[in-house]
Amino acid sequence: MPSAAAILALVDADGLLEVRVSPGASADAITLPASGCALAVRTTAPPEDGKANEAVMRLLAKALDRSVSTLELVRGAASRNKLIRLTP
């Protein structure tokens, strides 16, 4: 898992982080992007009833050593491409 500093370096000036999610993976993981791409997050949770979204938020919160309540899903609840706002 990448460091919190490496993930925070991908956050824009408005506190937004682009994420590409792969639900139903064999293991939970976060991978830093190749240039110009979104942060890749794999989760074992299935893409149904918001389970994958919840798992992604918990995984990101753990990687950033933050509370889940400081993360907000702005866009992409039903998409693999998500936009997450980090609040103070």
Protein backbone atom coordinates (compact mmCIF):
# COMPACT_ATOMS: atom_id res chain seq x y z
CA MET A 1 0.00 0.00 0.00
CA PRO A 2 1.41 3.44 -0.88
CA SER A 3 2.18 5.97 1.83
CA ALA A 4 -0.38 8.55 2.90
CA ALA A 5 1.91 11.29 1.57
CA ALA A 6 2.02 9.66 -1.88
CA ILE A 7 -1.78 9.45 -2.00
CA LEU A 8 -2.22 13.00 -0.69
CA ALA A 9 0.08 14.24 -3.47
CA LEU A 10 -2.69 13.21 -5.93
CA VAL A 11 -5.31 15.39 -4.22
CA ASP A 12 -6.03 18.63 -6.09
CA ALA A 13 -6.34 22.13 -4.61
CA ASP A 14 -10.07 21.59 -3.96
CA GLY A 15 -9.39 18.45 -1.92
CA LEU A 16 -10.60 16.09 -4.66
CA LEU A 17 -9.09 12.70 -5.44
CA GLU A 18 -9.85 10.70 -8.60
CA VAL A 19 -10.16 6.97 -8.01
CA ARG A 20 -10.62 4.00 -10.37
CA VAL A 21 -12.24 1.08 -8.54
CA SER A 22 -12.09 -2.63 -9.32
CA PRO A 23 -14.72 -4.39 -7.18
CA GLY A 24 -14.76 -8.14 -6.66
CA ALA A 25 -10.96 -8.36 -6.68
CA SER A 26 -9.04 -11.19 -5.06
CA ALA A 27 -7.49 -8.83 -2.49
CA ASP A 28 -7.85 -5.26 -1.24
CA ALA A 29 -5.13 -2.98 -2.61
CA ILE A 30 -4.31 0.61 -3.52
CA THR A 31 -1.93 1.31 -6.40
CA LEU A 32 -0.41 4.62 -7.38
CA PRO A 33 -1.32 5.66 -10.91
CA ALA A 34 0.83 5.89 -13.98
CA SER A 35 1.19 9.50 -15.06
CA GLY A 36 -2.11 11.33 -15.47
CA CYS A 37 -4.31 8.47 -14.31
CA ALA A 38 -6.53 8.00 -11.27
CA LEU A 39 -5.55 6.19 -8.08
CA ALA A 40 -6.36 2.48 -8.51
CA VAL A 41 -8.27 0.81 -5.69
CA ARG A 42 -9.12 -2.89 -5.70
CA THR A 43 -11.61 -4.28 -3.22
CA THR A 44 -12.98 -7.74 -2.53
CA ALA A 45 -16.44 -6.26 -1.92
CA PRO A 46 -19.04 -6.91 -4.61
CA PRO A 47 -20.41 -4.00 -6.67
CA GLU A 48 -23.91 -4.21 -5.23
CA ASP A 49 -25.92 -2.17 -2.73
CA GLY A 50 -23.02 0.26 -2.21
CA LYS A 51 -20.80 -2.40 -0.62
CA ALA A 52 -17.84 -1.64 -2.89
CA ASN A 53 -18.18 2.11 -2.26
CA GLU A 54 -18.16 1.56 1.50
CA ALA A 55 -15.14 -0.74 1.23
CA VAL A 56 -13.24 1.81 -0.89
CA MET A 57 -13.94 4.58 1.62
CA ARG A 58 -12.76 2.40 4.52
CA LEU A 59 -9.64 1.34 2.63
CA LEU A 60 -8.74 4.92 1.71
CA ALA A 61 -9.39 6.13 5.24
CA LYS A 62 -7.07 3.45 6.60
CA ALA A 63 -4.35 4.27 4.06
CA LEU A 64 -4.59 7.98 4.88
CA ASP A 65 -4.87 7.36 8.65
CA ARG A 66 -8.11 9.36 8.73
CA SER A 67 -11.68 8.80 9.78
CA VAL A 68 -14.11 7.61 7.11
CA SER A 69 -16.27 10.62 7.98
CA THR A 70 -13.57 12.91 6.50
CA LEU A 71 -14.10 11.35 3.06
CA GLU A 72 -17.07 12.21 0.85
CA LEU A 73 -18.08 10.47 -2.38
CA VAL A 74 -18.79 13.39 -4.72
CA ARG A 75 -19.35 11.56 -7.99
CA GLY A 76 -19.45 8.00 -9.30
CA ALA A 77 -21.61 6.04 -6.85
CA ALA A 78 -22.57 3.62 -9.65
CA SER A 79 -19.36 3.92 -11.68
CA ARG A 80 -15.83 2.55 -11.47
CA ASN A 81 -14.52 6.12 -11.79
CA LYS A 82 -15.12 8.04 -8.59
CA LEU A 83 -14.35 11.48 -7.26
CA ILE A 84 -13.75 11.67 -3.51
CA ARG A 85 -13.42 14.85 -1.47
CA LEU A 86 -11.14 14.87 1.56
CA THR A 87 -12.43 17.22 4.23
CA PRO A 88 -10.41 18.45 7.21
